[in-house]
């Protein structure tokens, strides 16, 4: 296993976003592996509340001193909340990617899409293989 944290209660996708299910909504953010690879995160662009996306759609951008990357939604749904604190202080993603630096809350269109995501062990293996 790598030096990054991969909480067991989350689901992951291969583009390095995580989702935590809370009732009919999911909270989405970037993984510890992603923030480690990006290094110093300097900018986040997030969608507006009410925006809808299909699974895999780009819902925003994360930029670091090294690179810019699209953020991809792990499930289809409608944004119900955006973490403005993370937008205002993007460096939070380097410090607390699973807590204070959550990105969006989404009302899921189809909860069955969660079954297509990786668990922590599969995501760790995916990261190790890169």
Protein backbone atom coordinates (compact mmCIF):
# COMPACT_ATOMS: atom_id res chain seq x y z
CA UNK A 1 0.00 0.00 0.00
CA UNK A 2 1.15 3.53 -0.75
CA UNK A 3 1.80 6.36 1.66
CA UNK A 4 -1.63 7.86 0.97
CA UNK A 5 -4.82 7.33 3.00
CA UNK A 6 -7.75 5.43 1.50
CA UNK A 7 -10.70 5.32 3.94
CA UNK A 8 -12.60 2.04 3.75
CA UNK A 9 -16.06 3.67 4.00
CA UNK A 10 -15.76 5.46 0.64
CA UNK A 11 -16.09 4.43 -3.01
CA UNK A 12 -13.47 5.50 -5.56
CA UNK A 13 -13.15 5.95 -9.31
CA UNK A 14 -10.06 5.63 -11.46
CA UNK A 15 -9.93 9.39 -12.08
CA UNK A 16 -9.14 9.86 -8.34
CA UNK A 17 -12.42 11.13 -6.95
CA UNK A 18 -14.18 9.61 -3.93
CA UNK A 19 -17.81 9.54 -2.86
CA UNK A 20 -19.38 9.03 0.57
CA UNK A 21 -23.06 8.12 0.52
CA UNK A 22 -25.30 9.95 3.02
CA UNK A 23 -28.91 8.97 2.51
CA UNK A 24 -29.90 9.80 -1.08
CA UNK A 25 -26.95 12.16 -1.52
CA UNK A 26 -23.25 11.67 -1.99
CA UNK A 27 -20.37 13.87 -0.92
CA UNK A 28 -17.57 14.00 -3.50
CA UNK A 29 -13.93 15.02 -3.27
CA UNK A 30 -10.46 14.19 -4.56
CA UNK A 31 -8.41 11.41 -3.04
CA UNK A 32 -5.31 11.68 -0.91
CA UNK A 33 -3.41 10.01 -3.77
CA UNK A 34 -4.60 12.74 -6.16
CA UNK A 35 -3.59 15.61 -3.90
CA UNK A 36 -0.21 13.92 -3.35
CA UNK A 37 0.36 13.62 -7.11
CA UNK A 38 -0.80 17.17 -7.81
CA UNK A 39 1.32 18.59 -4.99
CA UNK A 40 0.49 22.21 -4.06
CA UNK A 41 -3.14 22.85 -5.04
CA UNK A 42 -3.68 26.52 -5.85
CA UNK A 43 -7.11 26.71 -7.53
CA UNK A 44 -10.45 24.90 -7.54
CA UNK A 45 -13.32 25.62 -9.91
CA UNK A 46 -16.58 24.04 -8.81
CA UNK A 47 -20.07 23.98 -10.35
CA UNK A 48 -23.17 25.84 -9.21
CA UNK A 49 -25.87 24.35 -7.00
CA UNK A 50 -28.56 22.94 -9.30
CA UNK A 51 -26.15 21.87 -12.05
CA UNK A 52 -26.74 18.29 -13.24
CA UNK A 53 -24.14 15.87 -14.55
CA UNK A 54 -23.94 12.35 -15.92
CA UNK A 55 -21.55 9.85 -14.35
CA UNK A 56 -18.01 10.62 -15.50
CA UNK A 57 -18.80 14.18 -16.60
CA UNK A 58 -16.33 16.90 -15.72
CA UNK A 59 -17.84 19.01 -12.93
CA UNK A 60 -14.90 21.30 -12.27
CA UNK A 61 -11.15 21.81 -12.35
CA UNK A 62 -8.35 21.42 -9.82
CA UNK A 63 -5.06 23.21 -10.49
CA UNK A 64 -1.73 22.84 -8.77
CA UNK A 65 1.67 24.35 -9.36
CA UNK A 66 2.36 21.24 -11.50
CA UNK A 67 -0.81 20.65 -13.53
CA UNK A 68 -4.51 21.27 -14.10
CA UNK A 69 -6.95 18.37 -14.03
CA UNK A 70 -10.65 18.00 -14.68
CA UNK A 71 -12.78 16.72 -11.82
CA UNK A 72 -15.12 13.87 -12.81
CA UNK A 73 -18.35 13.01 -11.03
CA UNK A 74 -18.45 9.34 -9.92
CA UNK A 75 -22.26 9.20 -10.22
CA UNK A 76 -25.03 10.92 -12.15
CA UNK A 77 -26.84 13.58 -10.19
CA UNK A 78 -27.66 17.16 -9.33
CA UNK A 79 -25.41 19.34 -7.21
CA UNK A 80 -27.15 20.28 -3.94
CA UNK A 81 -24.18 21.99 -2.21
CA UNK A 82 -20.75 23.32 -3.10
CA UNK A 83 -17.87 23.71 -0.65
CA UNK A 84 -17.07 27.41 -1.04
CA UNK A 85 -14.46 27.18 1.72
CA UNK A 86 -12.46 24.74 -0.43
CA UNK A 87 -12.78 27.08 -3.42
CA UNK A 88 -11.58 29.99 -1.27
CA UNK A 89 -8.74 27.93 0.26
CA UNK A 90 -7.84 25.25 -2.31
CA UNK A 91 -4.80 24.23 -0.26
CA UNK A 92 -7.28 22.51 2.11
CA UNK A 93 -7.31 19.67 -0.43
CA UNK A 94 -3.66 18.99 0.38
CA UNK A 95 -4.32 18.92 4.12
CA UNK A 96 -7.75 17.25 4.52
CA UNK A 97 -9.01 15.77 1.21
CA UNK A 98 -11.60 13.54 2.93
CA UNK A 99 -12.90 16.14 5.39
CA UNK A 100 -12.72 19.93 5.17
CA UNK A 101 -11.91 19.81 1.43
CA UNK A 102 -14.99 17.92 0.21
CA UNK A 103 -16.02 19.50 -3.10
CA UNK A 104 -19.70 18.94 -3.87
CA UNK A 105 -22.79 17.25 -2.49
CA UNK A 106 -24.90 15.52 -5.14
CA UNK A 107 -28.42 14.06 -5.18
CA UNK A 108 -27.92 10.73 -6.94
CA UNK A 109 -29.97 9.97 -10.06
CA UNK A 110 -29.20 6.24 -9.88
CA UNK A 111 -27.70 4.72 -6.72
CA UNK A 112 -26.93 1.53 -8.68
CA UNK A 113 -24.02 3.41 -10.28
CA UNK A 114 -22.17 3.11 -6.96
CA UNK A 115 -21.65 -0.61 -7.63
CA UNK A 116 -19.40 0.29 -10.57
CA UNK A 117 -16.93 2.11 -8.31
CA UNK A 118 -13.89 0.68 -6.52
CA UNK A 119 -13.59 -0.09 -2.85
CA UNK A 120 -10.50 1.06 -0.93
CA UNK A 121 -8.46 -2.09 -1.65
CA UNK A 122 -9.16 -1.96 -5.39
CA UNK A 123 -8.34 1.76 -5.51
CA UNK A 124 -5.05 1.22 -3.66
CA UNK A 125 -4.14 -1.51 -6.16
CA UNK A 126 -5.06 0.83 -9.02
CA UNK A 127 -2.79 3.56 -7.62
CA UNK A 128 0.09 1.14 -6.97
CA UNK A 129 -0.10 -0.06 -10.58
CA UNK A 130 0.48 3.41 -12.05
